[in-house]
Protein backbone atom coordinates (compact mmCIF):
# COMPACT_ATOMS: atom_id res chain seq x y z
CA UNK A 1 -14.20 0.12 15.75
CA UNK A 2 -13.36 1.74 12.43
CA UNK A 3 -14.71 5.22 11.70
CA UNK A 4 -14.82 7.36 8.58
CA UNK A 5 -15.06 11.07 9.40
CA UNK A 6 -16.64 13.28 6.75
CA UNK A 7 -15.07 16.55 5.68
CA UNK A 8 -17.23 18.56 8.05
CA UNK A 9 -16.04 16.71 11.17
CA UNK A 10 -13.65 18.93 13.11
CA UNK A 11 -10.03 17.82 13.38
CA UNK A 12 -10.33 18.05 17.17
CA UNK A 13 -12.99 15.32 17.10
CA UNK A 14 -10.88 13.12 14.83
CA UNK A 15 -7.84 13.60 17.09
CA UNK A 16 -9.86 12.84 20.22
CA UNK A 17 -11.27 9.64 18.75
CA UNK A 18 -7.78 8.53 17.75
CA UNK A 19 -6.45 9.31 21.23
CA UNK A 20 -9.13 7.00 22.62
CA UNK A 21 -8.00 4.15 20.39
CA UNK A 22 -10.40 4.41 17.45
CA UNK A 23 -9.18 3.87 13.91
CA UNK A 24 -10.36 6.98 12.07
CA UNK A 25 -10.11 7.65 8.35
CA UNK A 26 -10.52 11.37 7.80
CA UNK A 27 -11.80 12.38 4.39
CA UNK A 28 -10.06 15.77 4.80
CA UNK A 29 -6.73 13.98 5.18
CA UNK A 30 -7.34 11.32 2.53
CA UNK A 31 -9.28 12.81 -0.38
CA UNK A 32 -10.91 16.20 0.28
CA UNK A 33 -13.61 17.22 -2.14
CA UNK A 34 -14.85 13.74 -3.06
CA UNK A 35 -18.60 13.42 -3.52
CA UNK A 36 -20.98 12.00 -0.93
CA UNK A 37 -21.43 8.72 -2.79
CA UNK A 38 -17.67 8.09 -2.66
CA UNK A 39 -17.56 8.88 1.07
CA UNK A 40 -20.39 6.43 1.75
CA UNK A 41 -18.74 3.80 -0.45
CA UNK A 42 -15.45 4.22 1.44
CA UNK A 43 -17.16 3.69 4.79
CA UNK A 44 -18.97 0.62 3.50
CA UNK A 45 -15.79 -0.82 1.98
CA UNK A 46 -13.97 -0.42 5.30
CA UNK A 47 -16.95 -1.72 7.30
CA UNK A 48 -16.75 1.55 9.19
CA UNK A 49 -19.17 3.83 10.96
CA UNK A 50 -19.59 7.11 9.08
CA UNK A 51 -19.80 10.29 11.14
CA UNK A 52 -20.84 13.50 9.45
CA UNK A 53 -22.84 16.66 10.00
CA UNK A 54 -23.99 16.62 6.36
CA UNK A 55 -27.75 16.08 6.40
CA UNK A 56 -27.76 14.86 2.78
CA UNK A 57 -26.39 11.49 3.85
CA UNK A 58 -29.74 10.45 5.32
CA UNK A 59 -31.35 10.83 1.94
CA UNK A 60 -28.45 9.13 0.20
CA UNK A 61 -28.59 6.13 2.53
CA UNK A 62 -32.35 5.83 2.08
CA UNK A 63 -31.96 5.88 -1.69
CA UNK A 64 -29.34 3.12 -1.56
CA UNK A 65 -31.35 0.83 0.73
């Protein structure tokens, strides 16, 4: 399973997921500061599950549906 971790996901969580064999793209490591639309687009492009604590993503996903 591929995962995109938003900027607000702790490094400890990213590291733990990787230790358990998950492929995790961390926005903090890749491109910190990008907007929410770009984060969502990156997860869609990779066919990845997006994990985040940012509540705005629910609204963003609803608007894109």
